[in-house]
Amino acid sequence: MTDAFYLYFDRSSYDLLVLESSPIHTSLGVIRATASPDLTVEYVLHGDLNGTFSLNSTTGEIILMHT
């Protein structure tokens, strides 16, 4: 038995489309990862200085907050 840890995303990359006409609070997509039983996955968004998006740290859902 080994003490191996793993983290796998369900895709190698994510492409999300945001239309100019998208209403506020629109769900844009979900990022999903699977981890070994000893790990907890927490999603964090970096670089969104204007607060345009919200990322649910538990579910990975990305929400449009303003345009």
N, C-alpha and C. Protein backbone atom coordinates (compact mmCIF):
# COMPACT_ATOMS: atom_id res chain seq x y z
N MET A 1 0.85 -1.19 0.00
CA MET A 1 0.00 0.00 0.00
C MET A 1 0.89 1.25 0.00
N THR A 2 0.51 2.23 -0.80
CA THR A 2 1.28 3.47 -0.85
C THR A 2 0.44 4.61 -0.30
N ASP A 3 1.10 5.70 0.00
CA ASP A 3 0.42 6.91 0.48
C ASP A 3 0.30 7.90 -0.67
N ALA A 4 -0.14 7.44 -1.82
CA ALA A 4 -0.24 8.29 -3.00
C ALA A 4 -1.46 9.19 -2.93
N PHE A 5 -1.30 10.41 -3.39
CA PHE A 5 -2.40 11.36 -3.49
C PHE A 5 -2.58 11.70 -4.96
N TYR A 6 -3.79 11.97 -5.36
CA TYR A 6 -4.03 12.33 -6.74
C TYR A 6 -5.10 13.41 -6.83
N LEU A 7 -5.07 14.15 -7.92
CA LEU A 7 -6.06 15.16 -8.24
C LEU A 7 -6.23 15.16 -9.75
N TYR A 8 -7.43 14.86 -10.22
CA TYR A 8 -7.72 14.81 -11.65
C TYR A 8 -8.87 15.74 -11.98
N PHE A 9 -8.67 16.57 -13.00
CA PHE A 9 -9.77 17.38 -13.52
C PHE A 9 -10.49 16.56 -14.58
N ASP A 10 -11.80 16.78 -14.73
CA ASP A 10 -12.56 16.00 -15.70
C ASP A 10 -12.27 16.40 -17.14
N ARG A 11 -11.57 17.53 -17.34
CA ARG A 11 -11.16 17.99 -18.68
C ARG A 11 -9.75 18.54 -18.57
N SER A 12 -9.06 18.54 -19.70
CA SER A 12 -7.71 19.12 -19.69
C SER A 12 -7.75 20.64 -19.78
N SER A 13 -8.87 21.20 -20.30
CA SER A 13 -9.06 22.65 -20.32
C SER A 13 -10.56 22.94 -20.36
N TYR A 14 -10.91 24.16 -20.03
CA TYR A 14 -12.31 24.58 -20.00
C TYR A 14 -12.47 25.83 -20.86
N ASP A 15 -13.44 25.80 -21.76
CA ASP A 15 -13.79 26.96 -22.57
C ASP A 15 -15.19 27.40 -22.19
N LEU A 16 -15.32 28.64 -21.75
CA LEU A 16 -16.61 29.17 -21.33
C LEU A 16 -16.96 30.36 -22.21
N LEU A 17 -18.19 30.41 -22.66
CA LEU A 17 -18.66 31.48 -23.52
C LEU A 17 -19.53 32.44 -22.73
N VAL A 18 -19.20 33.72 -22.79
CA VAL A 18 -19.98 34.76 -22.11
C VAL A 18 -20.47 35.73 -23.18
N LEU A 19 -21.76 35.75 -23.42
CA LEU A 19 -22.34 36.68 -24.37
C LEU A 19 -22.56 38.03 -23.71
N GLU A 20 -22.48 39.09 -24.48
CA GLU A 20 -22.73 40.43 -23.94
C GLU A 20 -24.13 40.54 -23.38
N SER A 21 -25.06 39.76 -23.92
CA SER A 21 -26.45 39.81 -23.48
C SER A 21 -26.75 38.87 -22.30
N SER A 22 -25.73 38.18 -21.78
CA SER A 22 -25.95 37.26 -20.66
C SER A 22 -26.39 38.03 -19.42
N PRO A 23 -27.49 37.59 -18.80
CA PRO A 23 -27.95 38.27 -17.59
C PRO A 23 -27.01 38.02 -16.41
N ILE A 24 -27.01 38.94 -15.48
CA ILE A 24 -26.24 38.80 -14.24
C ILE A 24 -26.71 37.53 -13.53
N HIS A 25 -25.81 36.86 -12.85
CA HIS A 25 -26.04 35.62 -12.11
C HIS A 25 -26.27 34.41 -13.00
N THR A 26 -25.84 34.51 -14.28
CA THR A 26 -25.90 33.37 -15.19
C THR A 26 -24.80 32.39 -14.83
N SER A 27 -25.15 31.10 -14.78
CA SER A 27 -24.15 30.06 -14.57
C SER A 27 -23.41 29.85 -15.89
N LEU A 28 -22.10 30.01 -15.87
CA LEU A 28 -21.30 29.89 -17.08
C LEU A 28 -20.72 28.50 -17.27
N GLY A 29 -20.64 27.73 -16.21
CA GLY A 29 -20.09 26.39 -16.30
C GLY A 29 -19.61 25.91 -14.95
N VAL A 30 -19.12 24.69 -14.95
CA VAL A 30 -18.63 24.08 -13.71
C VAL A 30 -17.28 23.43 -13.98
N ILE A 31 -16.35 23.68 -13.08
CA ILE A 31 -15.05 23.02 -13.10
C ILE A 31 -15.13 21.87 -12.11
N ARG A 32 -14.70 20.69 -12.54
CA ARG A 32 -14.80 19.53 -11.65
C ARG A 32 -13.46 18.83 -11.54
N ALA A 33 -13.12 18.45 -10.32
CA ALA A 33 -11.91 17.69 -10.07
C ALA A 33 -12.23 16.56 -9.09
N THR A 34 -11.49 15.48 -9.23
CA THR A 34 -11.62 14.34 -8.33
C THR A 34 -10.30 14.18 -7.61
N ALA A 35 -10.38 13.98 -6.31
CA ALA A 35 -9.17 13.86 -5.50
C ALA A 35 -9.17 12.54 -4.73
N SER A 36 -7.99 12.16 -4.28
CA SER A 36 -7.89 10.97 -3.45
C SER A 36 -8.69 11.20 -2.17
N PRO A 37 -9.13 10.14 -1.53
CA PRO A 37 -10.00 10.27 -0.35
C PRO A 37 -9.43 11.14 0.78
N ASP A 38 -8.13 11.25 0.87
CA ASP A 38 -7.51 12.03 1.95
C ASP A 38 -7.42 13.52 1.64
N LEU A 39 -7.85 13.92 0.44
CA LEU A 39 -7.76 15.33 0.03
C LEU A 39 -9.15 15.94 -0.11
N THR A 40 -9.22 17.24 0.12
CA THR A 40 -10.43 18.01 -0.11
C THR A 40 -10.17 18.99 -1.24
N VAL A 41 -11.08 19.03 -2.22
CA VAL A 41 -10.92 19.94 -3.34
C VAL A 41 -11.59 21.27 -2.99
N GLU A 42 -10.84 22.35 -3.15
CA GLU A 42 -11.37 23.70 -2.96
C GLU A 42 -10.98 24.52 -4.18
N TYR A 43 -11.96 25.10 -4.84
CA TYR A 43 -11.73 25.88 -6.06
C TYR A 43 -11.50 27.35 -5.69
N VAL A 44 -10.50 27.96 -6.34
CA VAL A 44 -10.15 29.36 -6.07
C VAL A 44 -9.94 30.07 -7.40
N LEU A 45 -10.48 31.27 -7.52
CA LEU A 45 -10.35 32.07 -8.73
C LEU A 45 -9.32 33.17 -8.48
N HIS A 46 -8.34 33.28 -9.36
CA HIS A 46 -7.31 34.30 -9.24
C HIS A 46 -7.34 35.21 -10.46
N GLY A 47 -7.02 36.47 -10.31
CA GLY A 47 -6.85 37.38 -11.42
C GLY A 47 -8.09 38.13 -11.87
N ASP A 48 -9.22 37.88 -11.24
CA ASP A 48 -10.46 38.59 -11.61
C ASP A 48 -10.58 39.84 -10.75
N LEU A 49 -9.78 40.86 -11.08
CA LEU A 49 -9.69 42.06 -10.25
C LEU A 49 -10.98 42.86 -10.20
N ASN A 50 -11.82 42.74 -11.23
CA ASN A 50 -13.07 43.51 -11.27
C ASN A 50 -14.25 42.78 -10.64
N GLY A 51 -14.05 41.54 -10.21
CA GLY A 51 -15.14 40.78 -9.61
C GLY A 51 -16.23 40.42 -10.60
N THR A 52 -15.84 40.22 -11.85
CA THR A 52 -16.80 39.89 -12.90
C THR A 52 -17.40 38.50 -12.69
N PHE A 53 -16.62 37.59 -12.11
CA PHE A 53 -17.05 36.22 -11.93
C PHE A 53 -17.01 35.83 -10.47
N SER A 54 -17.85 34.85 -10.14
CA SER A 54 -17.82 34.25 -8.81
C SER A 54 -17.60 32.76 -9.01
N LEU A 55 -16.71 32.18 -8.24
CA LEU A 55 -16.43 30.75 -8.32
C LEU A 55 -16.81 30.12 -6.99
N ASN A 56 -17.76 29.21 -7.01
CA ASN A 56 -18.16 28.51 -5.79
C ASN A 56 -17.01 27.59 -5.39
N SER A 57 -16.45 27.82 -4.23
CA SER A 57 -15.25 27.09 -3.81
C SER A 57 -15.50 25.61 -3.57
N THR A 58 -16.75 25.22 -3.37
CA THR A 58 -17.08 23.83 -3.12
C THR A 58 -17.52 23.10 -4.38
N THR A 59 -18.39 23.71 -5.18
CA THR A 59 -18.96 23.04 -6.34
C THR A 59 -18.20 23.29 -7.63
N GLY A 60 -17.42 24.37 -7.71
CA GLY A 60 -16.70 24.71 -8.93
C GLY A 60 -17.53 25.47 -9.94
N GLU A 61 -18.75 25.86 -9.57
CA GLU A 61 -19.61 26.59 -10.49
C GLU A 61 -19.12 28.03 -10.65
N ILE A 62 -19.08 28.50 -11.91
CA ILE A 62 -18.66 29.86 -12.22
C ILE A 62 -19.90 30.66 -12.60
N ILE A 63 -20.10 31.80 -11.92
CA ILE A 63 -21.28 32.65 -12.09
C ILE A 63 -20.84 34.02 -12.59
N LEU A 64 -21.59 34.58 -13.54
CA LEU A 64 -21.35 35.95 -13.99
C LEU A 64 -21.95 36.91 -12.98
N MET A 65 -21.12 37.77 -12.41
CA MET A 65 -21.59 38.71 -11.37
C MET A 65 -21.93 40.08 -11.92
N HIS A 66 -21.20 40.54 -12.92
CA HIS A 66 -21.54 41.79 -13.61
C HIS A 66 -20.81 41.83 -14.93
N THR A 67 -21.28 42.71 -15.82
CA THR A 67 -20.67 42.80 -17.14
C THR A 67 -19.85 44.06 -17.26
